[in-house]
Amino acid sequence: MKGIGRRALIGFVVGLAVGLIIGLPVLGWWLFPVKWTDTDPFDLKREHKETYIAMVADSYAISGDLDLA
């Protein structure tokens, strides 16, 4: 009985490790990747933040409407 419990525990740990190694990339990055939509400017990369600021400034300069910008 002692050997069966140990073998089961080892099998469980190995199965869990293999499942994580294979499952995370396949499910998390290939089949169901995260798609960001309607994010805040805070979450953008630095170069995209700069582009966003330039677009807001251009919109305000053209329209003069702060709410629209």
PDB file of N, CA and C in Angstrom:
ATOM      1  N   MET A   1       0.821  -1.201   0.000  1.00  0.00           N
ATOM      2  CA  MET A   1       0.000   0.000   0.000  1.00  0.00           C
ATOM      3  C   MET A   1       0.859   1.256   0.000  1.00  0.00           C
ATOM      4  N   LYS A   2       1.986   1.187   0.680  1.00  0.00           N
ATOM      5  CA  LYS A   2       2.860   2.345   0.762  1.00  0.00           C
ATOM      6  C   LYS A   2       3.418   2.718  -0.612  1.00  0.00           C
ATOM      7  N   GLY A   3       3.784   1.709  -1.410  1.00  0.00           N
ATOM      8  CA  GLY A   3       4.340   1.949  -2.740  1.00  0.00           C
ATOM      9  C   GLY A   3       3.330   2.543  -3.703  1.00  0.00           C
ATOM     10  N   ILE A   4       2.082   2.147  -3.610  1.00  0.00           N
ATOM     11  CA  ILE A   4       1.043   2.659  -4.504  1.00  0.00           C
ATOM     12  C   ILE A   4       0.795   4.146  -4.238  1.00  0.00           C
ATOM     13  N   GLY A   5       0.779   4.531  -2.981  1.00  0.00           N
ATOM     14  CA  GLY A   5       0.568   5.936  -2.640  1.00  0.00           C
ATOM     15  C   GLY A   5       1.702   6.817  -3.119  1.00  0.00           C
ATOM     16  N   ARG A   6       2.909   6.334  -2.998  1.00  0.00           N
ATOM     17  CA  ARG A   6       4.072   7.120  -3.435  1.00  0.00           C
ATOM     18  C   ARG A   6       4.093   7.231  -4.954  1.00  0.00           C
ATOM     19  N   ARG A   7       3.793   6.124  -5.640  1.00  0.00           N
ATOM     20  CA  ARG A   7       3.765   6.149  -7.105  1.00  0.00           C
ATOM     21  C   ARG A   7       2.666   7.090  -7.607  1.00  0.00           C
ATOM     22  N   ALA A   8       1.546   7.081  -6.939  1.00  0.00           N
ATOM     23  CA  ALA A   8       0.446   7.965  -7.327  1.00  0.00           C
ATOM     24  C   ALA A   8       0.835   9.428  -7.131  1.00  0.00           C
ATOM     25  N   LEU A   9       1.512   9.730  -6.029  1.00  0.00           N
ATOM     26  CA  LEU A   9       1.950  11.096  -5.772  1.00  0.00           C
ATOM     27  C   LEU A   9       2.964  11.548  -6.811  1.00  0.00           C
ATOM     28  N   ILE A  10       3.910  10.685  -7.140  1.00  0.00           N
ATOM     29  CA  ILE A  10       4.909  11.026  -8.163  1.00  0.00           C
ATOM     30  C   ILE A  10       4.226  11.220  -9.514  1.00  0.00           C
ATOM     31  N   GLY A  11       3.297  10.349  -9.851  1.00  0.00           N
ATOM     32  CA  GLY A  11       2.558  10.487 -11.105  1.00  0.00           C
ATOM     33  C   GLY A  11       1.757  11.778 -11.162  1.00  0.00           C
ATOM     34  N   PHE A  12       1.153  12.129 -10.049  1.00  0.00           N
ATOM     35  CA  PHE A  12       0.392  13.375  -9.980  1.00  0.00           C
ATOM     36  C   PHE A  12       1.291  14.580 -10.188  1.00  0.00           C
ATOM     37  N   VAL A  13       2.430  14.605  -9.518  1.00  0.00           N
ATOM     38  CA  VAL A  13       3.352  15.748  -9.630  1.00  0.00           C
ATOM     39  C   VAL A  13       3.907  15.848 -11.046  1.00  0.00           C
ATOM     40  N   VAL A  14       4.306  14.712 -11.620  1.00  0.00           N
ATOM     41  CA  VAL A  14       4.826  14.722 -12.992  1.00  0.00           C
ATOM     42  C   VAL A  14       3.731  15.156 -13.968  1.00  0.00           C
ATOM     43  N   GLY A  15       2.524  14.649 -13.804  1.00  0.00           N
ATOM     44  CA  GLY A  15       1.414  15.037 -14.673  1.00  0.00           C
ATOM     45  C   GLY A  15       1.082  16.518 -14.554  1.00  0.00           C
ATOM     46  N   LEU A  16       1.128  17.033 -13.360  1.00  0.00           N
ATOM     47  CA  LEU A  16       0.877  18.452 -13.148  1.00  0.00           C
ATOM     48  C   LEU A  16       1.943  19.299 -13.835  1.00  0.00           C
ATOM     49  N   ALA A  17       3.212  18.914 -13.676  1.00  0.00           N
ATOM     50  CA  ALA A  17       4.311  19.666 -14.296  1.00  0.00           C
ATOM     51  C   ALA A  17       4.203  19.631 -15.816  1.00  0.00           C
ATOM     52  N   VAL A  18       3.960  18.461 -16.375  1.00  0.00           N
ATOM     53  CA  VAL A  18       3.833  18.343 -17.833  1.00  0.00           C
ATOM     54  C   VAL A  18       2.618  19.125 -18.324  1.00  0.00           C
ATOM     55  N   GLY A  19       1.530  19.068 -17.586  1.00  0.00           N
ATOM     56  CA  GLY A  19       0.335  19.821 -17.960  1.00  0.00           C
ATOM     57  C   GLY A  19       0.568  21.322 -17.960  1.00  0.00           C
ATOM     58  N   LEU A  20       1.299  21.809 -16.990  1.00  0.00           N
ATOM     59  CA  LEU A  20       1.609  23.242 -16.949  1.00  0.00           C
ATOM     60  C   LEU A  20       2.550  23.651 -18.067  1.00  0.00           C
ATOM     61  N   ILE A  21       3.559  22.814 -18.303  1.00  0.00           N
ATOM     62  CA  ILE A  21       4.545  23.144 -19.331  1.00  0.00           C
ATOM     63  C   ILE A  21       3.904  23.157 -20.717  1.00  0.00           C
ATOM     64  N   ILE A  22       3.034  22.224 -20.981  1.00  0.00           N
ATOM     65  CA  ILE A  22       2.388  22.151 -22.294  1.00  0.00           C
ATOM     66  C   ILE A  22       1.139  23.029 -22.342  1.00  0.00           C
ATOM     67  N   GLY A  23       0.350  23.016 -21.286  1.00  0.00           N
ATOM     68  CA  GLY A  23      -0.932  23.709 -21.298  1.00  0.00           C
ATOM     69  C   GLY A  23      -0.838  25.214 -21.301  1.00  0.00           C
ATOM     70  N   LEU A  24       0.083  25.782 -20.572  1.00  0.00           N
ATOM     71  CA  LEU A  24       0.177  27.239 -20.505  1.00  0.00           C
ATOM     72  C   LEU A  24       0.489  27.856 -21.869  1.00  0.00           C
ATOM     73  N   PRO A  25       1.521  27.400 -22.554  1.00  0.00           N
ATOM     74  CA  PRO A  25       1.777  28.000 -23.874  1.00  0.00           C
ATOM     75  C   PRO A  25       0.673  27.712 -24.891  1.00  0.00           C
ATOM     76  N   VAL A  26       0.161  26.489 -24.899  1.00  0.00           N
ATOM     77  CA  VAL A  26      -0.842  26.130 -25.911  1.00  0.00           C
ATOM     78  C   VAL A  26      -2.156  26.856 -25.655  1.00  0.00           C
ATOM     79  N   LEU A  27      -2.673  26.755 -24.444  1.00  0.00           N
ATOM     80  CA  LEU A  27      -3.963  27.386 -24.151  1.00  0.00           C
ATOM     81  C   LEU A  27      -3.847  28.893 -23.941  1.00  0.00           C
ATOM     82  N   GLY A  28      -2.838  29.311 -23.186  1.00  0.00           N
ATOM     83  CA  GLY A  28      -2.743  30.715 -22.814  1.00  0.00           C
ATOM     84  C   GLY A  28      -2.173  31.630 -23.870  1.00  0.00           C
ATOM     85  N   TRP A  29      -1.307  31.102 -24.728  1.00  0.00           N
ATOM     86  CA  TRP A  29      -0.649  31.981 -25.698  1.00  0.00           C
ATOM     87  C   TRP A  29      -1.064  31.716 -27.131  1.00  0.00           C
ATOM     88  N   TRP A  30      -1.587  30.496 -27.416  1.00  0.00           N
ATOM     89  CA  TRP A  30      -1.912  30.174 -28.796  1.00  0.00           C
ATOM     90  C   TRP A  30      -3.423  30.131 -29.018  1.00  0.00           C
ATOM     91  N   LEU A  31      -4.140  29.342 -28.238  1.00  0.00           N
ATOM     92  CA  LEU A  31      -5.581  29.191 -28.465  1.00  0.00           C
ATOM     93  C   LEU A  31      -6.406  30.348 -27.910  1.00  0.00           C
ATOM     94  N   PHE A  32      -6.097  30.783 -26.699  1.00  0.00           N
ATOM     95  CA  PHE A  32      -6.878  31.839 -26.050  1.00  0.00           C
ATOM     96  C   PHE A  32      -5.985  32.975 -25.567  1.00  0.00           C
ATOM     97  N   PRO A  33      -5.303  33.686 -26.468  1.00  0.00           N
ATOM     98  CA  PRO A  33      -4.424  34.772 -26.010  1.00  0.00           C
ATOM     99  C   PRO A  33      -5.235  35.961 -25.486  1.00  0.00           C
ATOM    100  N   VAL A  34      -4.624  36.742 -24.651  1.00  0.00           N
ATOM    101  CA  VAL A  34      -5.276  37.937 -24.101  1.00  0.00           C
ATOM    102  C   VAL A  34      -5.318  38.999 -25.188  1.00  0.00           C
ATOM    103  N   LYS A  35      -6.480  39.605 -25.361  1.00  0.00           N
ATOM    104  CA  LYS A  35      -6.645  40.684 -26.335  1.00  0.00           C
ATOM    105  C   LYS A  35      -7.085  41.927 -25.572  1.00  0.00           C
ATOM    106  N   TRP A  36      -6.246  42.926 -25.573  1.00  0.00           N
ATOM    107  CA  TRP A  36      -6.542  44.162 -24.856  1.00  0.00           C
ATOM    108  C   TRP A  36      -7.436  45.043 -25.714  1.00  0.00           C
ATOM    109  N   THR A  37      -8.539  45.496 -25.130  1.00  0.00           N
ATOM    110  CA  THR A  37      -9.419  46.455 -25.789  1.00  0.00           C
ATOM    111  C   THR A  37      -9.866  47.479 -24.756  1.00  0.00           C
ATOM    112  N   ASP A  38     -10.097  48.674 -25.216  1.00  0.00           N
ATOM    113  CA  ASP A  38     -10.565  49.777 -24.364  1.00  0.00           C
ATOM    114  C   ASP A  38      -9.692  49.939 -23.122  1.00  0.00           C
ATOM    115  N   THR A  39      -8.404  49.933 -23.314  1.00  0.00           N
ATOM    116  CA  THR A  39      -7.486  50.081 -22.193  1.00  0.00           C
ATOM    117  C   THR A  39      -7.234  51.553 -21.894  1.00  0.00           C
ATOM    118  N   ASP A  40      -6.714  51.830 -20.754  1.00  0.00           N
ATOM    119  CA  ASP A  40      -6.366  53.191 -20.385  1.00  0.00           C
ATOM    120  C   ASP A  40      -4.987  53.537 -20.936  1.00  0.00           C
ATOM    121  N   PRO A  41      -4.711  54.826 -21.157  1.00  0.00           N
ATOM    122  CA  PRO A  41      -3.383  55.209 -21.636  1.00  0.00           C
ATOM    123  C   PRO A  41      -2.267  54.796 -20.675  1.00  0.00           C
ATOM    124  N   PHE A  42      -2.587  54.642 -19.408  1.00  0.00           N
ATOM    125  CA  PHE A  42      -1.599  54.233 -18.415  1.00  0.00           C
ATOM    126  C   PHE A  42      -0.985  52.877 -18.755  1.00  0.00           C
ATOM    127  N   ASP A  43      -1.751  51.990 -19.380  1.00  0.00           N
ATOM    128  CA  ASP A  43      -1.310  50.636 -19.681  1.00  0.00           C
ATOM    129  C   ASP A  43      -0.476  50.541 -20.961  1.00  0.00           C
ATOM    130  N   LEU A  44      -0.351  51.629 -21.695  1.00  0.00           N
ATOM    131  CA  LEU A  44       0.382  51.599 -22.962  1.00  0.00           C
ATOM    132  C   LEU A  44       1.893  51.651 -22.745  1.00  0.00           C
ATOM    133  N   LYS A  45       2.634  51.185 -23.753  1.00  0.00           N
ATOM    134  CA  LYS A  45       4.088  51.328 -23.733  1.00  0.00           C
ATOM    135  C   LYS A  45       4.438  52.801 -23.897  1.00  0.00           C
ATOM    136  N   ARG A  46       5.658  53.144 -23.557  1.00  0.00           N
ATOM    137  CA  ARG A  46       6.077  54.544 -23.569  1.00  0.00           C
ATOM    138  C   ARG A  46       5.884  55.191 -24.952  1.00  0.00           C
ATOM    139  N   GLU A  47       6.319  54.513 -26.013  1.00  0.00           N
ATOM    140  CA  GLU A  47       6.201  55.116 -27.347  1.00  0.00           C
ATOM    141  C   GLU A  47       4.742  55.269 -27.763  1.00  0.00           C
ATOM    142  N   HIS A  48       3.877  54.376 -27.320  1.00  0.00           N
ATOM    143  CA  HIS A  48       2.454  54.501 -27.637  1.00  0.00           C
ATOM    144  C   HIS A  48       1.808  55.609 -26.801  1.00  0.00           C
ATOM    145  N   LYS A  49       2.297  55.802 -25.579  1.00  0.00           N
ATOM    146  CA  LYS A  49       1.801  56.931 -24.771  1.00  0.00           C
ATOM    147  C   LYS A  49       2.125  58.249 -25.454  1.00  0.00           C
ATOM    148  N   GLU A  50       3.350  58.340 -25.983  1.00  0.00           N
ATOM    149  CA  GLU A  50       3.756  59.579 -26.666  1.00  0.00           C
ATOM    150  C   GLU A  50       2.894  59.819 -27.900  1.00  0.00           C
ATOM    151  N   THR A  51       2.596  58.770 -28.644  1.00  0.00           N
ATOM    152  CA  THR A  51       1.729  58.886 -29.816  1.00  0.00           C
ATOM    153  C   THR A  51       0.322  59.308 -29.406  1.00  0.00           C
ATOM    154  N   TYR A  52      -0.173  58.724 -28.307  1.00  0.00           N
ATOM    155  CA  TYR A  52      -1.505  59.068 -27.814  1.00  0.00           C
ATOM    156  C   TYR A  52      -1.572  60.549 -27.422  1.00  0.00           C
ATOM    157  N   ILE A  53      -0.564  61.019 -26.725  1.00  0.00           N
ATOM    158  CA  ILE A  53      -0.534  62.429 -26.309  1.00  0.00           C
ATOM    159  C   ILE A  53      -0.504  63.341 -27.526  1.00  0.00           C
ATOM    160  N   ALA A  54       0.282  62.962 -28.538  1.00  0.00           N
ATOM    161  CA  ALA A  54       0.348  63.773 -29.754  1.00  0.00           C
ATOM    162  C   ALA A  54      -1.002  63.797 -30.473  1.00  0.00           C
ATOM    163  N   MET A  55      -1.696  62.684 -30.508  1.00  0.00           N
ATOM    164  CA  MET A  55      -3.011  62.639 -31.162  1.00  0.00           C
ATOM    165  C   MET A  55      -4.031  63.486 -30.409  1.00  0.00           C
ATOM    166  N   VAL A  56      -4.003  63.440 -29.090  1.00  0.00           N
ATOM    167  CA  VAL A  56      -4.930  64.261 -28.306  1.00  0.00           C
ATOM    168  C   VAL A  56      -4.628  65.742 -28.520  1.00  0.00           C
ATOM    169  N   ALA A  57      -3.348  66.088 -28.528  1.00  0.00           N
ATOM    170  CA  ALA A  57      -2.976  67.491 -28.752  1.00  0.00           C
ATOM    171  C   ALA A  57      -3.390  67.953 -30.144  1.00  0.00           C
ATOM    172  N   ASP A  58      -3.189  67.130 -31.152  1.00  0.00           N
ATOM    173  CA  ASP A  58      -3.602  67.490 -32.515  1.00  0.00           C
ATOM    174  C   ASP A  58      -5.114  67.648 -32.610  1.00  0.00           C
ATOM    175  N   SER A  59      -5.851  66.755 -31.979  1.00  0.00           N
ATOM    176  CA  SER A  59      -7.306  66.845 -32.003  1.00  0.00           C
ATOM    177  C   SER A  59      -7.784  68.134 -31.344  1.00  0.00           C
ATOM    178  N   TYR A  60      -7.169  68.482 -30.227  1.00  0.00           N
ATOM    179  CA  TYR A  60      -7.563  69.722 -29.538  1.00  0.00           C
ATOM    180  C   TYR A  60      -7.176  70.949 -30.360  1.00  0.00           C
ATOM    181  N   ALA A  61      -6.003  70.900 -31.002  1.00  0.00           N
ATOM    182  CA  ALA A  61      -5.562  72.040 -31.806  1.00  0.00           C
ATOM    183  C   ALA A  61      -6.479  72.267 -33.005  1.00  0.00           C
ATOM    184  N   ILE A  62      -6.986  71.188 -33.576  1.00  0.00           N
ATOM    185  CA  ILE A  62      -7.846  71.310 -34.756  1.00  0.00           C
ATOM    186  C   ILE A  62      -9.262  71.708 -34.373  1.00  0.00           C
ATOM    187  N   SER A  63      -9.829  71.055 -33.369  1.00  0.00           N
ATOM    188  CA  SER A  63     -11.251  71.283 -33.048  1.00  0.00           C
ATOM    189  C   SER A  63     -11.465  72.303 -31.945  1.00  0.00           C
ATOM    190  N   GLY A  64     -10.524  72.428 -31.028  1.00  0.00           N
ATOM    191  CA  GLY A  64     -10.700  73.319 -29.894  1.00  0.00           C
ATOM    192  C   GLY A  64     -11.662  72.765 -28.850  1.00  0.00           C
ATOM    193  N   ASP A  65     -12.123  71.555 -29.028  1.00  0.00           N
ATOM    194  CA  ASP A  65     -13.082  70.925 -28.124  1.00  0.00           C
ATOM    195  C   ASP A  65     -12.330  69.944 -27.209  1.00  0.00           C
ATOM    196  N   LEU A  66     -12.239  70.289 -25.937  1.00  0.00           N
ATOM    197  CA  LEU A  66     -11.488  69.478 -24.995  1.00  0.00           C
ATOM    198  C   LEU A  66     -12.141  68.110 -24.759  1.00  0.00           C
ATOM    199  N   ASP A  67     -13.464  68.077 -24.713  1.00  0.00           N
ATOM    200  CA  ASP A  67     -14.161  66.800 -24.526  1.00  0.00           C
ATOM    201  C   ASP A  67     -13.936  65.864 -25.702  1.00  0.00           C
ATOM    202  N   LEU A  68     -13.903  66.400 -26.896  1.00  0.00           N
ATOM    203  CA  LEU A  68     -13.668  65.585 -28.079  1.00  0.00           C
ATOM    204  C   LEU A  68     -12.233  65.069 -28.109  1.00  0.00           C
ATOM    205  N   ALA A  69     -11.309  65.922 -27.699  1.00  0.00           N
ATOM    206  CA  ALA A  69      -9.890  65.509 -27.707  1.00  0.00           C
ATOM    207  C   ALA A  69      -9.691  64.405 -26.698  1.00  0.00           C
TER     208      ALA A  69
END
